[in-house]
Amino acid sequence: MKDIESREDLFVIVTDFYRFLFQSQVLHHFFLKFKDSEVLDDHLKILVDFWDNTLFYSGTYTKNAMKPHLILNERNPIKPVHFEEWILLFNKAVDSKFQGVNAETLKNRASSIATVMNLKISQK
């Protein structure tokens, strides 16, 4: 397997990740609005920008990633078990097609981001 090298690789990861999310009994209810393919396509582009910036420092993501999660949490509480499942599925999406320094870095950063989000949400 190869390492993550590009936005195209990140698109593969987020596409697989969302396929896993839709199948998850723990998380699928958070992602129902993304079942519409047009909404999902737009969302995946934003996610690729986010992970591109997170991994390659590209400057492609300038939004506040925490804000939509805080809004979601008000409507449908996000609990530690949700973050645990999220990390498990994200790592599965990475590990299914990639390995190497960038793959490990991406998984570590995702874990750190999930930890911080979990802490911030639990303080609300």
Protein backbone atom coordinates (compact mmCIF):
# COMPACT_ATOMS: atom_id res chain seq x y z
CA MET A 1 0.00 0.00 0.00
CA LYS A 2 1.11 3.53 -0.62
CA ASP A 3 1.18 6.55 1.67
CA ILE A 4 -1.22 9.49 1.44
CA GLU A 5 0.25 11.91 -1.10
CA SER A 6 -2.53 14.15 -2.42
CA ARG A 7 -6.01 15.63 -2.18
CA GLU A 8 -7.19 12.74 -4.35
CA ASP A 9 -5.97 10.31 -1.70
CA LEU A 10 -7.79 12.30 0.96
CA PHE A 11 -10.96 12.17 -1.15
CA VAL A 12 -10.69 8.37 -1.22
CA ILE A 13 -10.38 8.34 2.58
CA VAL A 14 -13.34 10.62 3.30
CA THR A 15 -15.51 8.79 0.76
CA ASP A 16 -14.75 5.44 2.39
CA PHE A 17 -15.16 6.98 5.83
CA TYR A 18 -18.65 8.21 5.03
CA ARG A 19 -19.59 4.83 3.62
CA PHE A 20 -18.57 3.35 7.00
CA LEU A 21 -20.45 6.09 8.88
CA PHE A 22 -23.66 5.38 6.98
CA GLN A 23 -23.37 1.71 8.01
CA SER A 24 -22.57 2.42 11.67
CA GLN A 25 -25.34 1.68 14.15
CA VAL A 26 -23.66 4.10 16.56
CA LEU A 27 -23.21 7.08 14.22
CA HIS A 28 -25.46 6.83 11.17
CA HIS A 29 -28.19 9.02 12.69
CA PHE A 30 -25.81 12.01 12.75
CA PHE A 31 -25.23 11.75 9.01
CA LEU A 32 -28.71 11.26 7.57
CA LYS A 33 -28.72 14.66 5.87
CA PHE A 34 -25.69 13.57 3.82
CA LYS A 35 -27.56 10.66 2.21
CA ASP A 36 -28.51 13.09 -0.58
CA SER A 37 -25.65 12.73 -3.07
CA GLU A 38 -25.44 16.46 -3.89
CA VAL A 39 -25.24 17.44 -0.22
CA LEU A 40 -22.68 14.69 0.37
CA ASP A 41 -20.55 15.78 -2.59
CA ASP A 42 -20.39 19.34 -1.28
CA HIS A 43 -19.60 18.13 2.23
CA LEU A 44 -16.83 15.79 1.06
CA LYS A 45 -15.13 18.70 -0.74
CA ILE A 46 -15.12 20.64 2.53
CA LEU A 47 -13.70 17.63 4.36
CA VAL A 48 -10.95 17.22 1.79
CA ASP A 49 -10.07 20.89 2.29
CA PHE A 50 -9.98 20.32 6.06
CA TRP A 51 -7.78 17.23 5.94
CA ASP A 52 -5.58 18.72 3.20
CA ASN A 53 -4.93 21.67 5.49
CA THR A 54 -4.48 19.41 8.51
CA LEU A 55 -1.99 17.08 6.85
CA PHE A 56 -0.26 19.23 4.23
CA TYR A 57 -0.78 22.75 5.69
CA SER A 58 -2.31 23.82 2.38
CA GLY A 59 -4.42 26.70 3.68
CA THR A 60 -7.46 25.23 1.91
CA TYR A 61 -9.70 25.20 5.01
CA THR A 62 -10.49 28.48 6.73
CA LYS A 63 -13.77 27.70 8.49
CA ASN A 64 -14.38 26.96 12.17
CA ALA A 65 -14.56 23.16 12.38
CA MET A 66 -15.87 23.24 15.93
CA LYS A 67 -18.95 25.39 15.26
CA PRO A 68 -21.06 22.90 13.26
CA HIS A 69 -20.30 20.19 15.81
CA LEU A 70 -21.46 22.40 18.68
CA ILE A 71 -24.68 23.14 16.79
CA LEU A 72 -25.18 19.44 16.07
CA ASN A 73 -24.58 18.62 19.73
CA GLU A 74 -27.39 20.98 20.77
CA ARG A 75 -29.87 19.05 18.60
CA ASN A 76 -28.47 15.57 19.09
CA PRO A 77 -25.96 15.15 21.93
CA ILE A 78 -22.56 13.80 20.92
CA LYS A 79 -21.17 11.45 23.55
CA PRO A 80 -17.72 9.89 24.12
CA VAL A 81 -18.91 6.62 22.55
CA HIS A 82 -19.61 8.53 19.34
CA PHE A 83 -16.07 9.89 19.25
CA GLU A 84 -14.67 6.42 19.89
CA GLU A 85 -16.63 5.00 16.95
CA TRP A 86 -15.68 7.99 14.78
CA ILE A 87 -11.95 7.36 15.38
CA LEU A 88 -12.33 3.63 14.80
CA LEU A 89 -14.03 4.20 11.44
CA PHE A 90 -11.68 6.99 10.39
CA ASN A 91 -8.67 4.79 11.09
CA LYS A 92 -10.35 1.96 9.19
CA ALA A 93 -10.80 4.25 6.17
CA VAL A 94 -7.14 5.24 6.27
CA ASP A 95 -5.76 1.76 6.97
CA SER A 96 -7.83 0.06 4.28
CA LYS A 97 -5.87 1.76 1.48
CA PHE A 98 -2.88 3.63 2.91
CA GLN A 99 0.14 3.16 5.10
CA GLY A 100 3.18 5.28 5.86
CA VAL A 101 4.22 8.43 7.65
CA ASN A 102 1.38 10.60 6.30
CA ALA A 103 -1.21 7.92 7.05
CA GLU A 104 -0.01 7.67 10.65
CA THR A 105 0.18 11.45 10.97
CA LEU A 106 -3.37 11.83 9.68
CA LYS A 107 -4.72 9.24 12.12
CA ASN A 108 -2.85 10.87 15.03
CA ARG A 109 -4.17 14.31 14.13
CA ALA A 110 -7.70 12.96 13.75
CA SER A 111 -7.45 11.41 17.20
CA SER A 112 -6.19 14.67 18.68
CA ILE A 113 -8.97 16.66 17.01
CA ALA A 114 -11.61 14.21 18.24
CA THR A 115 -10.21 14.40 21.77
CA VAL A 116 -10.33 18.21 21.79
CA MET A 117 -13.84 18.25 20.31
CA ASN A 118 -15.02 15.72 22.87
CA LEU A 119 -13.62 17.85 25.70
CA LYS A 120 -15.18 21.05 24.36
CA ILE A 121 -18.55 19.43 23.76
CA SER A 122 -18.61 17.77 27.19
CA GLN A 123 -18.03 21.19 28.79
CA LYS A 124 -21.21 22.57 27.25
